[in-house]
Amino acid sequence: MANERFPLTTAQRWLVNIGMFIQFHLVAIGLLFVWWVVFYNFAFMGEGFASGIFFWFIIPFCFGCLLSVYIFFRLLLAYTNFDIALTIMIMIDVCFAVFMGTTIIVPVYLAMPIVLYSIALYSFAHTPRKNMESNDAS
């Protein structure tokens, strides 16, 4: 019974999808902005080894990490219980926000998805479940 999957409400799906949209699109936009700034400096202000490494390796690696975390989150939602998936997603986001807390933008853009995931988790925990065995017996 612990692995039993309960249907999600529309509001819970919306909260998670909006949180993931905010989280991953803001990161992608931020990476594109950084890539553009580095490209501008790389192309017009002289070619440096550090900017070349950053432009050709670091930013594509970050996009790859972003894509792998997005796929990981989607797999969690698809193959684990909703409450376990959201708990893991919230823990990863909080750890990342604490780790990257030296810059103010990372905790700020992660605050909204964490709040949305927490609301979805709270509403999932307080959604009444029908006992399937008692319905079958009657």
N, C-alpha and C. Protein backbone atom coordinates (compact mmCIF):
# COMPACT_ATOMS: atom_id res chain seq x y z
N MET A 1 0.80 -1.19 0.00
CA MET A 1 0.00 0.00 0.00
C MET A 1 0.85 1.27 0.00
N ALA A 2 2.11 1.16 0.44
CA ALA A 2 2.96 2.35 0.50
C ALA A 2 3.30 2.85 -0.90
N ASN A 3 3.29 1.96 -1.88
CA ASN A 3 3.62 2.37 -3.24
C ASN A 3 2.39 2.70 -4.06
N GLU A 4 1.23 2.76 -3.42
CA GLU A 4 -0.01 3.07 -4.12
C GLU A 4 0.02 4.51 -4.62
N ARG A 5 -0.35 4.70 -5.86
CA ARG A 5 -0.34 6.04 -6.45
C ARG A 5 -1.74 6.61 -6.42
N PHE A 6 -1.87 7.80 -5.88
CA PHE A 6 -3.15 8.48 -5.80
C PHE A 6 -3.23 9.51 -6.92
N PRO A 7 -4.41 9.70 -7.48
CA PRO A 7 -4.54 10.71 -8.53
C PRO A 7 -4.35 12.11 -7.95
N LEU A 8 -3.70 12.96 -8.73
CA LEU A 8 -3.44 14.32 -8.29
C LEU A 8 -4.60 15.23 -8.71
N THR A 9 -4.79 16.26 -7.93
CA THR A 9 -5.79 17.24 -8.33
C THR A 9 -5.18 18.15 -9.38
N THR A 10 -6.04 18.86 -10.07
CA THR A 10 -5.58 19.79 -11.09
C THR A 10 -4.73 20.90 -10.46
N ALA A 11 -5.12 21.36 -9.29
CA ALA A 11 -4.36 22.42 -8.62
C ALA A 11 -2.96 21.95 -8.27
N GLN A 12 -2.81 20.71 -7.83
CA GLN A 12 -1.48 20.20 -7.50
C GLN A 12 -0.61 20.12 -8.75
N ARG A 13 -1.17 19.64 -9.84
CA ARG A 13 -0.41 19.60 -11.09
C ARG A 13 -0.01 20.98 -11.55
N TRP A 14 -0.92 21.95 -11.44
CA TRP A 14 -0.62 23.32 -11.84
C TRP A 14 0.50 23.92 -10.98
N LEU A 15 0.44 23.70 -9.68
CA LEU A 15 1.47 24.25 -8.79
C LEU A 15 2.86 23.72 -9.16
N VAL A 16 2.96 22.42 -9.40
CA VAL A 16 4.25 21.83 -9.73
C VAL A 16 4.71 22.29 -11.10
N ASN A 17 3.82 22.31 -12.08
CA ASN A 17 4.22 22.73 -13.42
C ASN A 17 4.63 24.20 -13.47
N ILE A 18 3.91 25.06 -12.76
CA ILE A 18 4.29 26.48 -12.71
C ILE A 18 5.63 26.64 -11.99
N GLY A 19 5.82 25.90 -10.89
CA GLY A 19 7.10 25.97 -10.18
C GLY A 19 8.27 25.53 -11.05
N MET A 20 8.08 24.43 -11.79
CA MET A 20 9.15 23.96 -12.68
C MET A 20 9.39 24.95 -13.82
N PHE A 21 8.31 25.52 -14.35
CA PHE A 21 8.46 26.51 -15.42
C PHE A 21 9.27 27.70 -14.95
N ILE A 22 8.91 28.22 -13.78
CA ILE A 22 9.63 29.38 -13.22
C ILE A 22 11.09 29.01 -12.97
N GLN A 23 11.31 27.89 -12.32
CA GLN A 23 12.66 27.51 -11.92
C GLN A 23 13.57 27.33 -13.13
N PHE A 24 13.17 26.53 -14.07
CA PHE A 24 14.08 26.18 -15.15
C PHE A 24 14.15 27.24 -16.24
N HIS A 25 13.09 27.97 -16.47
CA HIS A 25 13.16 29.02 -17.49
C HIS A 25 13.95 30.23 -17.00
N LEU A 26 13.84 30.56 -15.73
CA LEU A 26 14.66 31.66 -15.21
C LEU A 26 16.14 31.30 -15.25
N VAL A 27 16.47 30.07 -14.94
CA VAL A 27 17.87 29.65 -15.01
C VAL A 27 18.36 29.70 -16.46
N ALA A 28 17.55 29.21 -17.38
CA ALA A 28 17.96 29.22 -18.79
C ALA A 28 18.13 30.65 -19.30
N ILE A 29 17.23 31.55 -18.94
CA ILE A 29 17.35 32.95 -19.36
C ILE A 29 18.60 33.57 -18.74
N GLY A 30 18.86 33.28 -17.48
CA GLY A 30 20.07 33.80 -16.83
C GLY A 30 21.34 33.29 -17.49
N LEU A 31 21.35 31.99 -17.84
CA LEU A 31 22.53 31.43 -18.52
C LEU A 31 22.71 32.04 -19.91
N LEU A 32 21.62 32.25 -20.63
CA LEU A 32 21.72 32.89 -21.95
C LEU A 32 22.24 34.32 -21.82
N PHE A 33 21.80 35.04 -20.78
CA PHE A 33 22.29 36.40 -20.56
C PHE A 33 23.78 36.40 -20.26
N VAL A 34 24.22 35.50 -19.39
CA VAL A 34 25.64 35.40 -19.06
C VAL A 34 26.43 35.01 -20.31
N TRP A 35 25.90 34.07 -21.09
CA TRP A 35 26.57 33.65 -22.31
C TRP A 35 26.71 34.82 -23.28
N TRP A 36 25.66 35.65 -23.39
CA TRP A 36 25.70 36.81 -24.28
C TRP A 36 26.74 37.82 -23.80
N VAL A 37 26.79 38.08 -22.49
CA VAL A 37 27.77 39.03 -21.95
C VAL A 37 29.19 38.52 -22.18
N VAL A 38 29.42 37.25 -21.93
CA VAL A 38 30.75 36.69 -22.15
C VAL A 38 31.10 36.71 -23.64
N PHE A 39 30.14 36.40 -24.50
CA PHE A 39 30.38 36.46 -25.94
C PHE A 39 30.74 37.87 -26.38
N TYR A 40 30.01 38.86 -25.84
CA TYR A 40 30.30 40.25 -26.17
C TYR A 40 31.72 40.62 -25.75
N ASN A 41 32.10 40.26 -24.53
CA ASN A 41 33.45 40.54 -24.05
C ASN A 41 34.48 39.72 -24.82
N PHE A 42 34.15 38.50 -25.16
CA PHE A 42 35.05 37.61 -25.89
C PHE A 42 35.30 38.13 -27.31
N ALA A 43 34.24 38.60 -27.95
CA ALA A 43 34.36 39.01 -29.35
C ALA A 43 34.93 40.41 -29.52
N PHE A 44 34.59 41.33 -28.65
CA PHE A 44 34.92 42.72 -28.88
C PHE A 44 36.00 43.28 -27.96
N MET A 45 36.31 42.61 -26.89
CA MET A 45 37.29 43.14 -25.95
C MET A 45 38.56 42.33 -25.91
N GLY A 46 38.76 41.50 -26.84
CA GLY A 46 39.97 40.70 -26.87
C GLY A 46 39.68 39.27 -26.45
N GLU A 47 40.50 38.40 -26.95
CA GLU A 47 40.30 36.98 -26.71
C GLU A 47 41.18 36.55 -25.54
N GLY A 48 40.57 36.02 -24.54
CA GLY A 48 41.32 35.53 -23.39
C GLY A 48 41.06 34.05 -23.19
N PHE A 49 42.02 33.38 -22.60
CA PHE A 49 41.88 31.94 -22.38
C PHE A 49 40.72 31.65 -21.43
N ALA A 50 40.62 32.44 -20.37
CA ALA A 50 39.57 32.21 -19.38
C ALA A 50 38.19 32.44 -19.98
N SER A 51 38.02 33.49 -20.77
CA SER A 51 36.71 33.72 -21.36
C SER A 51 36.39 32.67 -22.42
N GLY A 52 37.40 32.17 -23.12
CA GLY A 52 37.18 31.11 -24.10
C GLY A 52 36.73 29.83 -23.43
N ILE A 53 37.38 29.47 -22.33
CA ILE A 53 36.98 28.28 -21.57
C ILE A 53 35.55 28.45 -21.05
N PHE A 54 35.29 29.62 -20.51
CA PHE A 54 33.95 29.88 -19.96
C PHE A 54 32.91 29.80 -21.06
N PHE A 55 33.19 30.40 -22.20
CA PHE A 55 32.22 30.46 -23.28
C PHE A 55 31.97 29.10 -23.92
N TRP A 56 33.03 28.35 -24.17
CA TRP A 56 32.88 27.10 -24.93
C TRP A 56 32.64 25.87 -24.08
N PHE A 57 32.95 25.93 -22.78
CA PHE A 57 32.81 24.72 -21.96
C PHE A 57 31.90 24.89 -20.75
N ILE A 58 32.08 25.94 -19.99
CA ILE A 58 31.36 26.09 -18.73
C ILE A 58 29.86 26.30 -18.96
N ILE A 59 29.50 27.22 -19.83
CA ILE A 59 28.08 27.50 -20.04
C ILE A 59 27.36 26.33 -20.69
N PRO A 60 27.89 25.67 -21.72
CA PRO A 60 27.21 24.46 -22.21
C PRO A 60 27.11 23.36 -21.16
N PHE A 61 28.12 23.23 -20.31
CA PHE A 61 28.05 22.27 -19.21
C PHE A 61 26.92 22.62 -18.26
N CYS A 62 26.74 23.91 -17.96
CA CYS A 62 25.65 24.34 -17.09
C CYS A 62 24.29 24.04 -17.72
N PHE A 63 24.17 24.24 -19.03
CA PHE A 63 22.92 23.88 -19.70
C PHE A 63 22.67 22.38 -19.62
N GLY A 64 23.71 21.59 -19.75
CA GLY A 64 23.57 20.14 -19.62
C GLY A 64 23.13 19.75 -18.22
N CYS A 65 23.71 20.39 -17.20
CA CYS A 65 23.29 20.12 -15.82
C CYS A 65 21.84 20.54 -15.60
N LEU A 66 21.46 21.68 -16.14
CA LEU A 66 20.09 22.15 -16.03
C LEU A 66 19.12 21.16 -16.66
N LEU A 67 19.45 20.68 -17.84
CA LEU A 67 18.61 19.71 -18.52
C LEU A 67 18.53 18.39 -17.75
N SER A 68 19.65 17.95 -17.20
CA SER A 68 19.64 16.68 -16.45
C SER A 68 18.83 16.80 -15.16
N VAL A 69 18.88 17.94 -14.48
CA VAL A 69 18.07 18.13 -13.27
C VAL A 69 16.59 18.18 -13.64
N TYR A 70 16.26 18.83 -14.76
CA TYR A 70 14.87 18.88 -15.21
C TYR A 70 14.35 17.48 -15.51
N ILE A 71 15.14 16.68 -16.21
CA ILE A 71 14.75 15.30 -16.52
C ILE A 71 14.63 14.50 -15.23
N PHE A 72 15.56 14.70 -14.29
CA PHE A 72 15.50 14.00 -13.01
C PHE A 72 14.21 14.35 -12.26
N PHE A 73 13.83 15.63 -12.23
CA PHE A 73 12.61 16.04 -11.56
C PHE A 73 11.38 15.41 -12.23
N ARG A 74 11.37 15.39 -13.56
CA ARG A 74 10.23 14.79 -14.27
C ARG A 74 10.16 13.28 -14.01
N LEU A 75 11.30 12.61 -13.95
CA LEU A 75 11.30 11.19 -13.64
C LEU A 75 10.84 10.93 -12.21
N LEU A 76 11.25 11.80 -11.28
CA LEU A 76 10.76 11.67 -9.91
C LEU A 76 9.24 11.77 -9.87
N LEU A 77 8.70 12.75 -10.57
CA LEU A 77 7.25 12.92 -10.56
C LEU A 77 6.53 11.76 -11.23
N ALA A 78 7.18 11.15 -12.23
CA ALA A 78 6.52 10.08 -12.98
C ALA A 78 6.60 8.73 -12.27
N TYR A 79 7.71 8.45 -11.59
CA TYR A 79 7.93 7.10 -11.09
C TYR A 79 7.96 6.94 -9.58
N THR A 80 7.84 8.02 -8.83
CA THR A 80 7.78 7.89 -7.38
C THR A 80 6.48 8.49 -6.88
N ASN A 81 6.22 8.29 -5.62
CA ASN A 81 5.04 8.92 -5.03
C ASN A 81 5.21 10.43 -5.07
N PHE A 82 4.10 11.11 -5.20
CA PHE A 82 4.12 12.56 -5.36
C PHE A 82 4.77 13.25 -4.17
N ASP A 83 4.47 12.79 -2.96
CA ASP A 83 5.03 13.44 -1.77
C ASP A 83 6.53 13.20 -1.66
N ILE A 84 7.00 12.03 -2.03
CA ILE A 84 8.44 11.75 -2.01
C ILE A 84 9.16 12.59 -3.06
N ALA A 85 8.57 12.67 -4.26
CA ALA A 85 9.18 13.47 -5.33
C ALA A 85 9.27 14.93 -4.94
N LEU A 86 8.21 15.49 -4.39
CA LEU A 86 8.24 16.90 -4.00
C LEU A 86 9.21 17.15 -2.86
N THR A 87 9.29 16.22 -1.91
CA THR A 87 10.24 16.39 -0.81
C THR A 87 11.67 16.41 -1.33
N ILE A 88 11.99 15.51 -2.25
CA ILE A 88 13.35 15.49 -2.83
C ILE A 88 13.60 16.76 -3.63
N MET A 89 12.61 17.20 -4.41
CA MET A 89 12.77 18.43 -5.20
C MET A 89 13.01 19.64 -4.30
N ILE A 90 12.25 19.74 -3.22
CA ILE A 90 12.41 20.86 -2.30
C ILE A 90 13.79 20.81 -1.64
N MET A 91 14.23 19.63 -1.23
CA MET A 91 15.54 19.50 -0.58
C MET A 91 16.66 19.88 -1.55
N ILE A 92 16.57 19.46 -2.80
CA ILE A 92 17.60 19.82 -3.79
C ILE A 92 17.61 21.33 -4.01
N ASP A 93 16.42 21.94 -4.14
CA ASP A 93 16.35 23.38 -4.35
C ASP A 93 16.89 24.17 -3.16
N VAL A 94 16.55 23.73 -1.95
CA VAL A 94 17.05 24.42 -0.76
C VAL A 94 18.57 24.28 -0.66
N CYS A 95 19.09 23.08 -0.90
CA CYS A 95 20.56 22.88 -0.86
C CYS A 95 21.25 23.75 -1.90
N PHE A 96 20.68 23.83 -3.09
CA PHE A 96 21.27 24.66 -4.14
C PHE A 96 21.22 26.14 -3.76
N ALA A 97 20.09 26.57 -3.18
CA ALA A 97 19.98 27.97 -2.77
C ALA A 97 20.97 28.30 -1.67
N VAL A 98 21.18 27.37 -0.73
CA VAL A 98 22.15 27.61 0.34
C VAL A 98 23.56 27.60 -0.23
N PHE A 99 23.84 26.65 -1.13
CA PHE A 99 25.17 26.55 -1.72
C PHE A 99 25.51 27.78 -2.56
N MET A 100 24.53 28.29 -3.30
CA MET A 100 24.75 29.45 -4.15
C MET A 100 24.29 30.74 -3.47
N GLY A 101 24.16 30.72 -2.17
CA GLY A 101 23.64 31.86 -1.44
C GLY A 101 24.50 33.09 -1.45
N THR A 102 25.71 33.00 -1.99
CA THR A 102 26.57 34.18 -2.04
C THR A 102 26.02 35.21 -3.01
N THR A 103 25.30 34.77 -4.02
CA THR A 103 24.64 35.71 -4.93
C THR A 103 23.19 35.79 -4.54
N ILE A 104 22.62 36.96 -4.58
CA ILE A 104 21.25 37.16 -4.12
C ILE A 104 20.23 36.60 -5.10
N ILE A 105 20.55 36.50 -6.38
CA ILE A 105 19.55 36.12 -7.37
C ILE A 105 19.15 34.65 -7.26
N VAL A 106 20.05 33.75 -6.90
CA VAL A 106 19.71 32.32 -6.86
C VAL A 106 18.68 32.03 -5.78
N PRO A 107 18.86 32.45 -4.53
CA PRO A 107 17.80 32.19 -3.54
C PRO A 107 16.48 32.86 -3.89
N VAL A 108 16.54 34.02 -4.56
CA VAL A 108 15.30 34.72 -4.91
C VAL A 108 14.52 33.96 -5.97
N TYR A 109 15.18 33.49 -7.02
CA TYR A 109 14.42 32.80 -8.06
C TYR A 109 14.06 31.38 -7.64
N LEU A 110 14.73 30.82 -6.65
CA LEU A 110 14.34 29.50 -6.15
C LEU A 110 13.27 29.58 -5.07
N ALA A 111 13.03 30.77 -4.51
CA ALA A 111 12.04 30.89 -3.45
C ALA A 111 10.64 30.58 -3.96
N MET A 112 10.30 31.07 -5.13
CA MET A 112 8.94 30.85 -5.65
C MET A 112 8.68 29.37 -5.95
N PRO A 113 9.56 28.65 -6.67
CA PRO A 113 9.29 27.23 -6.86
C PRO A 113 9.23 26.44 -5.54
N ILE A 114 10.09 26.78 -4.58
CA ILE A 114 10.06 26.08 -3.30
C ILE A 114 8.72 26.31 -2.61
N VAL A 115 8.21 27.53 -2.65
CA VAL A 115 6.91 27.82 -2.06
C VAL A 115 5.80 27.06 -2.79
N LEU A 116 5.84 27.06 -4.12
CA LEU A 116 4.81 26.35 -4.88
C LEU A 116 4.86 24.84 -4.62
N TYR A 117 6.07 24.26 -4.59
CA TYR A 117 6.20 22.84 -4.30
C TYR A 117 5.70 22.52 -2.88
N SER A 118 6.00 23.42 -1.94
CA SER A 118 5.57 23.20 -0.55
C SER A 118 4.05 23.26 -0.43
N ILE A 119 3.41 24.19 -1.14
CA ILE A 119 1.95 24.27 -1.13
C ILE A 119 1.35 23.01 -1.74
N ALA A 120 1.93 22.54 -2.85
CA ALA A 120 1.44 21.31 -3.48
C ALA A 120 1.62 20.12 -2.55
N LEU A 121 2.75 20.06 -1.85
CA LEU A 121 2.99 18.96 -0.92
C LEU A 121 2.02 19.03 0.26
N TYR A 122 1.78 20.22 0.77
CA TYR A 122 0.84 20.39 1.88
C TYR A 122 -0.57 19.99 1.45
N SER A 123 -0.99 20.44 0.27
CA SER A 123 -2.34 20.10 -0.18
C SER A 123 -2.46 18.61 -0.48
N PHE A 124 -1.37 17.98 -0.95
CA PHE A 124 -1.41 16.54 -1.20
C PHE A 124 -1.53 15.78 0.12
N ALA A 125 -0.83 16.25 1.14
CA ALA A 125 -0.88 15.57 2.43
C ALA A 125 -2.25 15.71 3.09
N HIS A 126 -2.97 16.76 2.76
CA HIS A 126 -4.28 16.99 3.38
C HIS A 126 -5.44 16.72 2.44
N THR A 127 -5.19 16.02 1.34
CA THR A 127 -6.27 15.62 0.44
C THR A 127 -6.84 14.31 0.95
N PRO A 128 -8.16 14.25 1.13
CA PRO A 128 -8.73 12.98 1.63
C PRO A 128 -8.58 11.87 0.59
N ARG A 129 -8.21 10.69 1.08
CA ARG A 129 -8.02 9.53 0.22
C ARG A 129 -9.18 8.57 0.46
N LYS A 130 -9.67 7.99 -0.59
CA LYS A 130 -10.71 6.97 -0.46
C LYS A 130 -10.04 5.63 -0.28
N ASN A 131 -10.53 4.85 0.64
CA ASN A 131 -9.97 3.52 0.87
C ASN A 131 -10.58 2.57 -0.16
N MET A 132 -9.75 2.13 -1.08
CA MET A 132 -10.22 1.31 -2.18
C MET A 132 -10.73 -0.05 -1.70
N GLU A 133 -10.12 -0.62 -0.64
CA GLU A 133 -10.53 -1.93 -0.16
C GLU A 133 -11.93 -1.88 0.44
N SER A 134 -12.25 -0.82 1.18
CA SER A 134 -13.58 -0.74 1.78
C SER A 134 -14.65 -0.55 0.71
N ASN A 135 -14.32 0.13 -0.39
CA ASN A 135 -15.27 0.30 -1.47
C ASN A 135 -15.52 -1.02 -2.20
N ASP A 136 -14.50 -1.85 -2.32
CA ASP A 136 -14.65 -3.13 -2.99
C ASP A 136 -15.47 -4.10 -2.14
N ALA A 137 -15.37 -4.01 -0.81
CA ALA A 137 -16.04 -4.95 0.07
C ALA A 137 -17.55 -4.69 0.13
N SER A 138 -17.96 -3.44 -0.08
CA SER A 138 -19.39 -3.13 0.04
C SER A 138 -20.17 -3.35 -1.21
